[in-house]
Amino acid sequence: MLIESNLAANQLRKVALLITAAAWLGMDVSGYGQADENKSSGYVYLWLEDYPFTLFIGPSGDEVCAIWTNSEDGEEHECELGNLSLDDLYVWVNQLEQASEDSNDD
């Protein structure tokens, strides 16, 4: 995983929170991925190639969230991590993917 070296202290702190959340979920962070800040939004994110979602923290606060992006139309869906498990996140993504497929069939 690549952690960008140009991050300020607060962004690095958020990267640490994201890595901690990923570890709590049981995600493998040793694969290909990236932790960085989206300069236009201020969101700090942890993207890992092996997972169909990205973890992120917004510019204000420390709430860890997940985002799934529809590869067909680019629509993004977010949810707060809260007490969700990795299995819960996969169920969420699968429901979103199914809804997307169903709407494409119409």
PDB file of N, CA and C in Angstrom:
ATOM      1  N   MET A   1       0.848  -1.166   0.000  1.00  0.00           N
ATOM      2  CA  MET A   1       0.000   0.000   0.000  1.00  0.00           C
ATOM      3  C   MET A   1       0.892   1.228   0.000  1.00  0.00           C
ATOM      4  N   LEU A   2       0.534   2.192  -0.814  1.00  0.00           N
ATOM      5  CA  LEU A   2       1.271   3.443  -0.924  1.00  0.00           C
ATOM      6  C   LEU A   2       0.587   4.504  -0.068  1.00  0.00           C
ATOM      7  N   ILE A   3       1.335   5.122   0.828  1.00  0.00           N
ATOM      8  CA  ILE A   3       0.850   6.262   1.595  1.00  0.00           C
ATOM      9  C   ILE A   3       1.578   7.481   1.059  1.00  0.00           C
ATOM     10  N   GLU A   4       0.823   8.430   0.559  1.00  0.00           N
ATOM     11  CA  GLU A   4       1.423   9.620  -0.035  1.00  0.00           C
ATOM     12  C   GLU A   4       2.257  10.368   1.002  1.00  0.00           C
ATOM     13  N   SER A   5       3.408  10.861   0.583  1.00  0.00           N
ATOM     14  CA  SER A   5       4.342  11.500   1.510  1.00  0.00           C
ATOM     15  C   SER A   5       4.063  12.979   1.710  1.00  0.00           C
ATOM     16  N   ASN A   6       3.143  13.560   0.955  1.00  0.00           N
ATOM     17  CA  ASN A   6       2.880  14.984   1.067  1.00  0.00           C
ATOM     18  C   ASN A   6       1.735  15.314   2.017  1.00  0.00           C
ATOM     19  N   LEU A   7       1.306  14.372   2.832  1.00  0.00           N
ATOM     20  CA  LEU A   7       0.181  14.593   3.729  1.00  0.00           C
ATOM     21  C   LEU A   7       0.604  15.353   4.985  1.00  0.00           C
ATOM     22  N   ALA A   8      -0.259  16.250   5.425  1.00  0.00           N
ATOM     23  CA  ALA A   8      -0.030  16.991   6.670  1.00  0.00           C
ATOM     24  C   ALA A   8      -0.352  16.084   7.853  1.00  0.00           C
ATOM     25  N   ALA A   9      -0.036  16.556   9.036  1.00  0.00           N
ATOM     26  CA  ALA A   9      -0.200  15.752  10.253  1.00  0.00           C
ATOM     27  C   ALA A   9      -1.635  15.267  10.438  1.00  0.00           C
ATOM     28  N   ASN A  10      -2.629  16.123  10.234  1.00  0.00           N
ATOM     29  CA  ASN A  10      -4.014  15.708  10.441  1.00  0.00           C
ATOM     30  C   ASN A  10      -4.433  14.652   9.428  1.00  0.00           C
ATOM     31  N   GLN A  11      -3.976  14.771   8.192  1.00  0.00           N
ATOM     32  CA  GLN A  11      -4.307  13.765   7.184  1.00  0.00           C
ATOM     33  C   GLN A  11      -3.625  12.430   7.504  1.00  0.00           C
ATOM     34  N   LEU A  12      -2.399  12.482   7.982  1.00  0.00           N
ATOM     35  CA  LEU A  12      -1.715  11.240   8.383  1.00  0.00           C
ATOM     36  C   LEU A  12      -2.419  10.589   9.568  1.00  0.00           C
ATOM     37  N   ARG A  13      -2.924  11.402  10.491  1.00  0.00           N
ATOM     38  CA  ARG A  13      -3.676  10.872  11.633  1.00  0.00           C
ATOM     39  C   ARG A  13      -4.922  10.149  11.129  1.00  0.00           C
ATOM     40  N   LYS A  14      -5.580  10.728  10.127  1.00  0.00           N
ATOM     41  CA  LYS A  14      -6.774  10.094   9.563  1.00  0.00           C
ATOM     42  C   LYS A  14      -6.421   8.810   8.810  1.00  0.00           C
ATOM     43  N   VAL A  15      -5.281   8.794   8.140  1.00  0.00           N
ATOM     44  CA  VAL A  15      -4.819   7.559   7.486  1.00  0.00           C
ATOM     45  C   VAL A  15      -4.635   6.473   8.544  1.00  0.00           C
ATOM     46  N   ALA A  16      -4.057   6.836   9.682  1.00  0.00           N
ATOM     47  CA  ALA A  16      -3.874   5.866  10.766  1.00  0.00           C
ATOM     48  C   ALA A  16      -5.221   5.336  11.256  1.00  0.00           C
ATOM     49  N   LEU A  17      -6.213   6.217  11.365  1.00  0.00           N
ATOM     50  CA  LEU A  17      -7.555   5.781  11.766  1.00  0.00           C
ATOM     51  C   LEU A  17      -8.152   4.828  10.733  1.00  0.00           C
ATOM     52  N   LEU A  18      -7.936   5.127   9.459  1.00  0.00           N
ATOM     53  CA  LEU A  18      -8.460   4.254   8.397  1.00  0.00           C
ATOM     54  C   LEU A  18      -7.787   2.888   8.411  1.00  0.00           C
ATOM     55  N   ILE A  19      -6.481   2.865   8.607  1.00  0.00           N
ATOM     56  CA  ILE A  19      -5.764   1.591   8.670  1.00  0.00           C
ATOM     57  C   ILE A  19      -6.219   0.800   9.894  1.00  0.00           C
ATOM     58  N   THR A  20      -6.434   1.494  11.003  1.00  0.00           N
ATOM     59  CA  THR A  20      -6.937   0.835  12.210  1.00  0.00           C
ATOM     60  C   THR A  20      -8.323   0.242  11.953  1.00  0.00           C
ATOM     61  N   ALA A  21      -9.194   1.000  11.290  1.00  0.00           N
ATOM     62  CA  ALA A  21     -10.536   0.502  10.980  1.00  0.00           C
ATOM     63  C   ALA A  21     -10.448  -0.706  10.055  1.00  0.00           C
ATOM     64  N   ALA A  22      -9.570  -0.634   9.061  1.00  0.00           N
ATOM     65  CA  ALA A  22      -9.397  -1.772   8.141  1.00  0.00           C
ATOM     66  C   ALA A  22      -8.926  -3.006   8.897  1.00  0.00           C
ATOM     67  N   ALA A  23      -7.993  -2.826   9.823  1.00  0.00           N
ATOM     68  CA  ALA A  23      -7.501  -3.950  10.623  1.00  0.00           C
ATOM     69  C   ALA A  23      -8.616  -4.511  11.494  1.00  0.00           C
ATOM     70  N   TRP A  24      -9.418  -3.632  12.085  1.00  0.00           N
ATOM     71  CA  TRP A  24     -10.542  -4.055  12.922  1.00  0.00           C
ATOM     72  C   TRP A  24     -11.525  -4.898  12.100  1.00  0.00           C
ATOM     73  N   LEU A  25     -11.713  -4.515  10.823  1.00  0.00           N
ATOM     74  CA  LEU A  25     -12.605  -5.262   9.944  1.00  0.00           C
ATOM     75  C   LEU A  25     -12.008  -6.594   9.498  1.00  0.00           C
ATOM     76  N   GLY A  26     -10.692  -6.726   9.604  1.00  0.00           N
ATOM     77  CA  GLY A  26     -10.017  -7.933   9.130  1.00  0.00           C
ATOM     78  C   GLY A  26      -9.567  -7.820   7.683  1.00  0.00           C
ATOM     79  N   MET A  27      -9.482  -6.595   7.186  1.00  0.00           N
ATOM     80  CA  MET A  27      -9.027  -6.383   5.814  1.00  0.00           C
ATOM     81  C   MET A  27      -7.513  -6.567   5.741  1.00  0.00           C
ATOM     82  N   ASP A  28      -7.047  -7.080   4.621  1.00  0.00           N
ATOM     83  CA  ASP A  28      -5.619  -7.242   4.383  1.00  0.00           C
ATOM     84  C   ASP A  28      -5.110  -5.973   3.705  1.00  0.00           C
ATOM     85  N   VAL A  29      -4.257  -5.221   4.396  1.00  0.00           N
ATOM     86  CA  VAL A  29      -3.746  -3.964   3.839  1.00  0.00           C
ATOM     87  C   VAL A  29      -2.380  -4.136   3.183  1.00  0.00           C
ATOM     88  N   SER A  30      -1.934  -5.374   3.023  1.00  0.00           N
ATOM     89  CA  SER A  30      -0.602  -5.614   2.460  1.00  0.00           C
ATOM     90  C   SER A  30      -0.599  -5.628   0.930  1.00  0.00           C
ATOM     91  N   GLY A  31      -1.777  -5.639   0.323  1.00  0.00           N
ATOM     92  CA  GLY A  31      -1.857  -5.664  -1.131  1.00  0.00           C
ATOM     93  C   GLY A  31      -1.688  -4.282  -1.742  1.00  0.00           C
ATOM     94  N   TYR A  32      -1.990  -4.192  -3.032  1.00  0.00           N
ATOM     95  CA  TYR A  32      -1.863  -2.936  -3.754  1.00  0.00           C
ATOM     96  C   TYR A  32      -2.977  -1.991  -3.334  1.00  0.00           C
ATOM     97  N   GLY A  33      -2.608  -0.755  -3.015  1.00  0.00           N
ATOM     98  CA  GLY A  33      -3.593   0.236  -2.621  1.00  0.00           C
ATOM     99  C   GLY A  33      -2.952   1.585  -2.418  1.00  0.00           C
ATOM    100  N   GLN A  34      -3.753   2.524  -1.949  1.00  0.00           N
ATOM    101  CA  GLN A  34      -3.261   3.880  -1.757  1.00  0.00           C
ATOM    102  C   GLN A  34      -4.033   4.561  -0.643  1.00  0.00           C
ATOM    103  N   ALA A  35      -3.307   5.347   0.158  1.00  0.00           N
ATOM    104  CA  ALA A  35      -3.910   6.222   1.157  1.00  0.00           C
ATOM    105  C   ALA A  35      -3.482   7.636   0.801  1.00  0.00           C
ATOM    106  N   ASP A  36      -4.465   8.525   0.693  1.00  0.00           N
ATOM    107  CA  ASP A  36      -4.166   9.888   0.262  1.00  0.00           C
ATOM    108  C   ASP A  36      -5.337  10.787   0.640  1.00  0.00           C
ATOM    109  N   GLU A  37      -5.182  12.056   0.321  1.00  0.00           N
ATOM    110  CA  GLU A  37      -6.249  13.034   0.490  1.00  0.00           C
ATOM    111  C   GLU A  37      -6.739  13.453  -0.888  1.00  0.00           C
ATOM    112  N   ASN A  38      -8.047  13.496  -1.050  1.00  0.00           N
ATOM    113  CA  ASN A  38      -8.627  14.068  -2.260  1.00  0.00           C
ATOM    114  C   ASN A  38      -8.553  15.581  -2.087  1.00  0.00           C
ATOM    115  N   LYS A  39      -7.688  16.222  -2.858  1.00  0.00           N
ATOM    116  CA  LYS A  39      -7.425  17.655  -2.684  1.00  0.00           C
ATOM    117  C   LYS A  39      -8.660  18.505  -2.935  1.00  0.00           C
ATOM    118  N   SER A  40      -9.563  18.082  -3.813  1.00  0.00           N
ATOM    119  CA  SER A  40     -10.738  18.905  -4.113  1.00  0.00           C
ATOM    120  C   SER A  40     -11.816  18.809  -3.032  1.00  0.00           C
ATOM    121  N   SER A  41     -11.896  17.673  -2.332  1.00  0.00           N
ATOM    122  CA  SER A  41     -12.948  17.507  -1.321  1.00  0.00           C
ATOM    123  C   SER A  41     -12.423  17.547   0.109  1.00  0.00           C
ATOM    124  N   GLY A  42     -11.134  17.281   0.300  1.00  0.00           N
ATOM    125  CA  GLY A  42     -10.582  17.205   1.649  1.00  0.00           C
ATOM    126  C   GLY A  42     -10.768  15.853   2.307  1.00  0.00           C
ATOM    127  N   TYR A  43     -11.385  14.907   1.587  1.00  0.00           N
ATOM    128  CA  TYR A  43     -11.589  13.570   2.136  1.00  0.00           C
ATOM    129  C   TYR A  43     -10.255  12.817   2.123  1.00  0.00           C
ATOM    130  N   VAL A  44      -9.999  12.088   3.208  1.00  0.00           N
ATOM    131  CA  VAL A  44      -8.829  11.218   3.281  1.00  0.00           C
ATOM    132  C   VAL A  44      -9.342   9.795   3.085  1.00  0.00           C
ATOM    133  N   TYR A  45      -8.684   9.046   2.203  1.00  0.00           N
ATOM    134  CA  TYR A  45      -9.217   7.743   1.843  1.00  0.00           C
ATOM    135  C   TYR A  45      -8.149   6.651   1.890  1.00  0.00           C
ATOM    136  N   LEU A  46      -8.635   5.431   2.030  1.00  0.00           N
ATOM    137  CA  LEU A  46      -7.816   4.220   1.948  1.00  0.00           C
ATOM    138  C   LEU A  46      -8.470   3.324   0.913  1.00  0.00           C
ATOM    139  N   TRP A  47      -7.831   3.243  -0.260  1.00  0.00           N
ATOM    140  CA  TRP A  47      -8.316   2.394  -1.338  1.00  0.00           C
ATOM    141  C   TRP A  47      -7.409   1.175  -1.429  1.00  0.00           C
ATOM    142  N   LEU A  48      -8.028  -0.002  -1.425  1.00  0.00           N
ATOM    143  CA  LEU A  48      -7.297  -1.260  -1.559  1.00  0.00           C
ATOM    144  C   LEU A  48      -7.901  -2.045  -2.712  1.00  0.00           C
ATOM    145  N   GLU A  49      -7.050  -2.435  -3.639  1.00  0.00           N
ATOM    146  CA  GLU A  49      -7.491  -3.100  -4.868  1.00  0.00           C
ATOM    147  C   GLU A  49      -8.335  -4.351  -4.607  1.00  0.00           C
ATOM    148  N   ASP A  50      -8.084  -5.033  -3.518  1.00  0.00           N
ATOM    149  CA  ASP A  50      -8.754  -6.303  -3.248  1.00  0.00           C
ATOM    150  C   ASP A  50     -10.177  -6.164  -2.705  1.00  0.00           C
ATOM    151  N   TYR A  51     -10.655  -4.924  -2.525  1.00  0.00           N
ATOM    152  CA  TYR A  51     -11.974  -4.711  -1.926  1.00  0.00           C
ATOM    153  C   TYR A  51     -12.826  -3.831  -2.836  1.00  0.00           C
ATOM    154  N   PRO A  52     -14.133  -4.108  -2.896  1.00  0.00           N
ATOM    155  CA  PRO A  52     -15.006  -3.367  -3.817  1.00  0.00           C
ATOM    156  C   PRO A  52     -15.483  -2.022  -3.273  1.00  0.00           C
ATOM    157  N   PHE A  53     -14.917  -1.572  -2.202  1.00  0.00           N
ATOM    158  CA  PHE A  53     -15.293  -0.304  -1.584  1.00  0.00           C
ATOM    159  C   PHE A  53     -14.023   0.384  -1.097  1.00  0.00           C
ATOM    160  N   THR A  54     -14.148   1.657  -0.781  1.00  0.00           N
ATOM    161  CA  THR A  54     -13.042   2.455  -0.256  1.00  0.00           C
ATOM    162  C   THR A  54     -13.456   3.009   1.092  1.00  0.00           C
ATOM    163  N   LEU A  55     -12.544   2.995   2.049  1.00  0.00           N
ATOM    164  CA  LEU A  55     -12.796   3.623   3.341  1.00  0.00           C
ATOM    165  C   LEU A  55     -12.355   5.077   3.257  1.00  0.00           C
ATOM    166  N   PHE A  56     -13.082   5.956   3.949  1.00  0.00           N
ATOM    167  CA  PHE A  56     -12.704   7.362   3.934  1.00  0.00           C
ATOM    168  C   PHE A  56     -13.179   8.073   5.197  1.00  0.00           C
ATOM    169  N   ILE A  57     -12.587   9.235   5.436  1.00  0.00           N
ATOM    170  CA  ILE A  57     -12.982  10.145   6.512  1.00  0.00           C
ATOM    171  C   ILE A  57     -13.126  11.517   5.874  1.00  0.00           C
ATOM    172  N   GLY A  58     -14.233  12.182   6.176  1.00  0.00           N
ATOM    173  CA  GLY A  58     -14.475  13.514   5.631  1.00  0.00           C
ATOM    174  C   GLY A  58     -13.564  14.560   6.247  1.00  0.00           C
ATOM    175  N   PRO A  59     -13.606  15.772   5.703  1.00  0.00           N
ATOM    176  CA  PRO A  59     -12.705  16.822   6.162  1.00  0.00           C
ATOM    177  C   PRO A  59     -12.978  17.289   7.595  1.00  0.00           C
ATOM    178  N   SER A  60     -14.201  17.128   8.071  1.00  0.00           N
ATOM    179  CA  SER A  60     -14.493  17.505   9.459  1.00  0.00           C
ATOM    180  C   SER A  60     -14.929  16.258  10.212  1.00  0.00           C
ATOM    181  N   GLY A  61     -14.311  16.013  11.331  1.00  0.00           N
ATOM    182  CA  GLY A  61     -14.642  14.836  12.122  1.00  0.00           C
ATOM    183  C   GLY A  61     -13.750  13.657  11.809  1.00  0.00           C
ATOM    184  N   ASP A  62     -14.024  12.555  12.499  1.00  0.00           N
ATOM    185  CA  ASP A  62     -13.214  11.346  12.368  1.00  0.00           C
ATOM    186  C   ASP A  62     -14.059  10.116  12.061  1.00  0.00           C
ATOM    187  N   GLU A  63     -15.285  10.302  11.603  1.00  0.00           N
ATOM    188  CA  GLU A  63     -16.177   9.184  11.306  1.00  0.00           C
ATOM    189  C   GLU A  63     -15.680   8.429  10.071  1.00  0.00           C
ATOM    190  N   VAL A  64     -15.405   7.135  10.253  1.00  0.00           N
ATOM    191  CA  VAL A  64     -14.963   6.305   9.135  1.00  0.00           C
ATOM    192  C   VAL A  64     -16.192   5.840   8.364  1.00  0.00           C
ATOM    193  N   CYS A  65     -16.137   6.006   7.057  1.00  0.00           N
ATOM    194  CA  CYS A  65     -17.228   5.623   6.167  1.00  0.00           C
ATOM    195  C   CYS A  65     -16.680   4.761   5.047  1.00  0.00           C
ATOM    196  N   ALA A  66     -17.602   4.130   4.340  1.00  0.00           N
ATOM    197  CA  ALA A  66     -17.242   3.360   3.153  1.00  0.00           C
ATOM    198  C   ALA A  66     -17.979   3.961   1.968  1.00  0.00           C
ATOM    199  N   ILE A  67     -17.364   3.863   0.805  1.00  0.00           N
ATOM    200  CA  ILE A  67     -17.992   4.345  -0.419  1.00  0.00           C
ATOM    201  C   ILE A  67     -17.854   3.266  -1.484  1.00  0.00           C
ATOM    202  N   TRP A  68     -18.934   3.073  -2.230  1.00  0.00           N
ATOM    203  CA  TRP A  68     -18.932   2.170  -3.380  1.00  0.00           C
ATOM    204  C   TRP A  68     -19.303   2.997  -4.590  1.00  0.00           C
ATOM    205  N   THR A  69     -18.576   2.816  -5.677  1.00  0.00           N
ATOM    206  CA  THR A  69     -18.830   3.549  -6.904  1.00  0.00           C
ATOM    207  C   THR A  69     -19.301   2.583  -7.982  1.00  0.00           C
ATOM    208  N   ASN A  70     -20.436   2.899  -8.577  1.00  0.00           N
ATOM    209  CA  ASN A  70     -20.989   2.099  -9.656  1.00  0.00           C
ATOM    210  C   ASN A  70     -20.098   2.264 -10.885  1.00  0.00           C
ATOM    211  N   SER A  71     -19.533   1.179 -11.356  1.00  0.00           N
ATOM    212  CA  SER A  71     -18.623   1.241 -12.502  1.00  0.00           C
ATOM    213  C   SER A  71     -19.349   1.544 -13.810  1.00  0.00           C
ATOM    214  N   GLU A  72     -20.658   1.381 -13.824  1.00  0.00           N
ATOM    215  CA  GLU A  72     -21.434   1.649 -15.043  1.00  0.00           C
ATOM    216  C   GLU A  72     -21.720   3.135 -15.231  1.00  0.00           C
ATOM    217  N   ASP A  73     -22.112   3.823 -14.157  1.00  0.00           N
ATOM    218  CA  ASP A  73     -22.518   5.226 -14.301  1.00  0.00           C
ATOM    219  C   ASP A  73     -21.785   6.191 -13.367  1.00  0.00           C
ATOM    220  N   GLY A  74     -20.883   5.675 -12.537  1.00  0.00           N
ATOM    221  CA  GLY A  74     -20.103   6.528 -11.647  1.00  0.00           C
ATOM    222  C   GLY A  74     -20.835   6.998 -10.409  1.00  0.00           C
ATOM    223  N   GLU A  75     -22.080   6.566 -10.220  1.00  0.00           N
ATOM    224  CA  GLU A  75     -22.838   6.974  -9.038  1.00  0.00           C
ATOM    225  C   GLU A  75     -22.167   6.409  -7.778  1.00  0.00           C
ATOM    226  N   GLU A  76     -22.062   7.252  -6.760  1.00  0.00           N
ATOM    227  CA  GLU A  76     -21.410   6.848  -5.514  1.00  0.00           C
ATOM    228  C   GLU A  76     -22.432   6.662  -4.400  1.00  0.00           C
ATOM    229  N   HIS A  77     -22.192   5.659  -3.575  1.00  0.00           N
ATOM    230  CA  HIS A  77     -23.045   5.363  -2.420  1.00  0.00           C
ATOM    231  C   HIS A  77     -22.145   5.278  -1.199  1.00  0.00           C
ATOM    232  N   GLU A  78     -22.556   5.931  -0.125  1.00  0.00           N
ATOM    233  CA  GLU A  78     -21.759   5.972   1.102  1.00  0.00           C
ATOM    234  C   GLU A  78     -22.534   5.378   2.260  1.00  0.00           C
ATOM    235  N   CYS A  79     -21.791   4.848   3.219  1.00  0.00           N
ATOM    236  CA  CYS A  79     -22.394   4.420   4.484  1.00  0.00           C
ATOM    237  C   CYS A  79     -21.371   4.616   5.600  1.00  0.00           C
ATOM    238  N   GLU A  80     -21.879   4.936   6.781  1.00  0.00           N
ATOM    239  CA  GLU A  80     -21.007   5.037   7.955  1.00  0.00           C
ATOM    240  C   GLU A  80     -20.622   3.646   8.391  1.00  0.00           C
ATOM    241  N   LEU A  81     -19.367   3.491   8.768  1.00  0.00           N
ATOM    242  CA  LEU A  81     -18.879   2.175   9.168  1.00  0.00           C
ATOM    243  C   LEU A  81     -19.535   1.726  10.469  1.00  0.00           C
ATOM    244  N   GLY A  82     -19.573   2.608  11.452  1.00  0.00           N
ATOM    245  CA  GLY A  82     -20.212   2.271  12.726  1.00  0.00           C
ATOM    246  C   GLY A  82     -19.746   0.926  13.229  1.00  0.00           C
ATOM    247  N   ASN A  83     -20.704   0.031  13.483  1.00  0.00           N
ATOM    248  CA  ASN A  83     -20.401  -1.320  13.965  1.00  0.00           C
ATOM    249  C   ASN A  83     -20.511  -2.361  12.868  1.00  0.00           C
ATOM    250  N   LEU A  84     -20.463  -1.936  11.602  1.00  0.00           N
ATOM    251  CA  LEU A  84     -20.564  -2.893  10.507  1.00  0.00           C
ATOM    252  C   LEU A  84     -19.333  -3.791  10.471  1.00  0.00           C
ATOM    253  N   SER A  85     -19.548  -5.022  10.062  1.00  0.00           N
ATOM    254  CA  SER A  85     -18.450  -5.969   9.885  1.00  0.00           C
ATOM    255  C   SER A  85     -18.057  -5.980   8.409  1.00  0.00           C
ATOM    256  N   LEU A  86     -16.978  -6.656   8.095  1.00  0.00           N
ATOM    257  CA  LEU A  86     -16.568  -6.812   6.708  1.00  0.00           C
ATOM    258  C   LEU A  86     -17.661  -7.537   5.914  1.00  0.00           C
ATOM    259  N   ASP A  87     -18.265  -8.549   6.521  1.00  0.00           N
ATOM    260  CA  ASP A  87     -19.369  -9.258   5.870  1.00  0.00           C
ATOM    261  C   ASP A  87     -20.534  -8.320   5.588  1.00  0.00           C
ATOM    262  N   ASP A  88     -20.858  -7.435   6.548  1.00  0.00           N
ATOM    263  CA  ASP A  88     -21.927  -6.454   6.342  1.00  0.00           C
ATOM    264  C   ASP A  88     -21.626  -5.554   5.152  1.00  0.00           C
ATOM    265  N   LEU A  89     -20.370  -5.142   5.022  1.00  0.00           N
ATOM    266  CA  LEU A  89     -19.985  -4.285   3.897  1.00  0.00           C
ATOM    267  C   LEU A  89     -20.142  -5.020   2.572  1.00  0.00           C
ATOM    268  N   TYR A  90     -19.783  -6.300   2.551  1.00  0.00           N
ATOM    269  CA  TYR A  90     -19.967  -7.084   1.323  1.00  0.00           C
ATOM    270  C   TYR A  90     -21.453  -7.238   0.982  1.00  0.00           C
ATOM    271  N   VAL A  91     -22.295  -7.424   1.981  1.00  0.00           N
ATOM    272  CA  VAL A  91     -23.741  -7.510   1.741  1.00  0.00           C
ATOM    273  C   VAL A  91     -24.233  -6.187   1.163  1.00  0.00           C
ATOM    274  N   TRP A  92     -23.791  -5.073   1.732  1.00  0.00           N
ATOM    275  CA  TRP A  92     -24.166  -3.743   1.248  1.00  0.00           C
ATOM    276  C   TRP A  92     -23.761  -3.563  -0.214  1.00  0.00           C
ATOM    277  N   VAL A  93     -22.512  -3.900  -0.530  1.00  0.00           N
ATOM    278  CA  VAL A  93     -22.023  -3.772  -1.910  1.00  0.00           C
ATOM    279  C   VAL A  93     -22.814  -4.683  -2.842  1.00  0.00           C
ATOM    280  N   ASN A  94     -23.061  -5.911  -2.432  1.00  0.00           N
ATOM    281  CA  ASN A  94     -23.810  -6.845  -3.278  1.00  0.00           C
ATOM    282  C   ASN A  94     -25.220  -6.332  -3.565  1.00  0.00           C
ATOM    283  N   GLN A  95     -25.866  -5.730  -2.553  1.00  0.00           N
ATOM    284  CA  GLN A  95     -27.198  -5.162  -2.756  1.00  0.00           C
ATOM    285  C   GLN A  95     -27.148  -4.009  -3.756  1.00  0.00           C
ATOM    286  N   LEU A  96     -26.132  -3.161  -3.641  1.00  0.00           N
ATOM    287  CA  LEU A  96     -25.982  -2.043  -4.573  1.00  0.00           C
ATOM    288  C   LEU A  96     -25.707  -2.543  -5.990  1.00  0.00           C
ATOM    289  N   GLU A  97     -24.855  -3.546  -6.109  1.00  0.00           N
ATOM    290  CA  GLU A  97     -24.551  -4.103  -7.429  1.00  0.00           C
ATOM    291  C   GLU A  97     -25.794  -4.738  -8.045  1.00  0.00           C
ATOM    292  N   GLN A  98     -26.565  -5.445  -7.246  1.00  0.00           N
ATOM    293  CA  GLN A  98     -27.786  -6.080  -7.752  1.00  0.00           C
ATOM    294  C   GLN A  98     -28.793  -5.026  -8.197  1.00  0.00           C
ATOM    295  N   ALA A  99     -28.959  -3.981  -7.394  1.00  0.00           N
ATOM    296  CA  ALA A  99     -29.880  -2.909  -7.767  1.00  0.00           C
ATOM    297  C   ALA A  99     -29.439  -2.232  -9.057  1.00  0.00           C
ATOM    298  N   SER A 100     -28.147  -2.076  -9.232  1.00  0.00           N
ATOM    299  CA  SER A 100     -27.613  -1.483 -10.448  1.00  0.00           C
ATOM    300  C   SER A 100     -27.887  -2.374 -11.656  1.00  0.00           C
ATOM    301  N   GLU A 101     -27.671  -3.673 -11.496  1.00  0.00           N
ATOM    302  CA  GLU A 101     -27.933  -4.617 -12.590  1.00  0.00           C
ATOM    303  C   GLU A 101     -29.415  -4.640 -12.944  1.00  0.00           C
ATOM    304  N   ASP A 102     -30.258  -4.618 -11.901  1.00  0.00           N
ATOM    305  CA  ASP A 102     -31.704  -4.628 -12.148  1.00  0.00           C
ATOM    306  C   ASP A 102     -32.153  -3.374 -12.906  1.00  0.00           C
ATOM    307  N   SER A 103     -31.584  -2.222 -12.575  1.00  0.00           N
ATOM    308  CA  SER A 103     -31.968  -0.998 -13.266  1.00  0.00           C
ATOM    309  C   SER A 103     -31.433  -0.968 -14.698  1.00  0.00           C
ATOM    310  N   ASN A 104     -30.331  -1.660 -14.951  1.00  0.00           N
ATOM    311  CA  ASN A 104     -29.796  -1.734 -16.308  1.00  0.00           C
ATOM    312  C   ASN A 104     -30.602  -2.675 -17.189  1.00  0.00           C
ATOM    313  N   ASP A 105     -31.306  -3.625 -16.549  1.00  0.00           N
ATOM    314  CA  ASP A 105     -32.120  -4.574 -17.304  1.00  0.00           C
ATOM    315  C   ASP A 105     -33.416  -3.949 -17.804  1.00  0.00           C
ATOM    316  N   ASP A 106     -33.815  -2.831 -17.210  1.00  0.00           N
ATOM    317  CA  ASP A 106     -35.083  -2.179 -17.597  1.00  0.00           C
ATOM    318  C   ASP A 106     -34.982  -1.482 -18.920  1.00  0.00           C
TER     319      ASP A 106
END
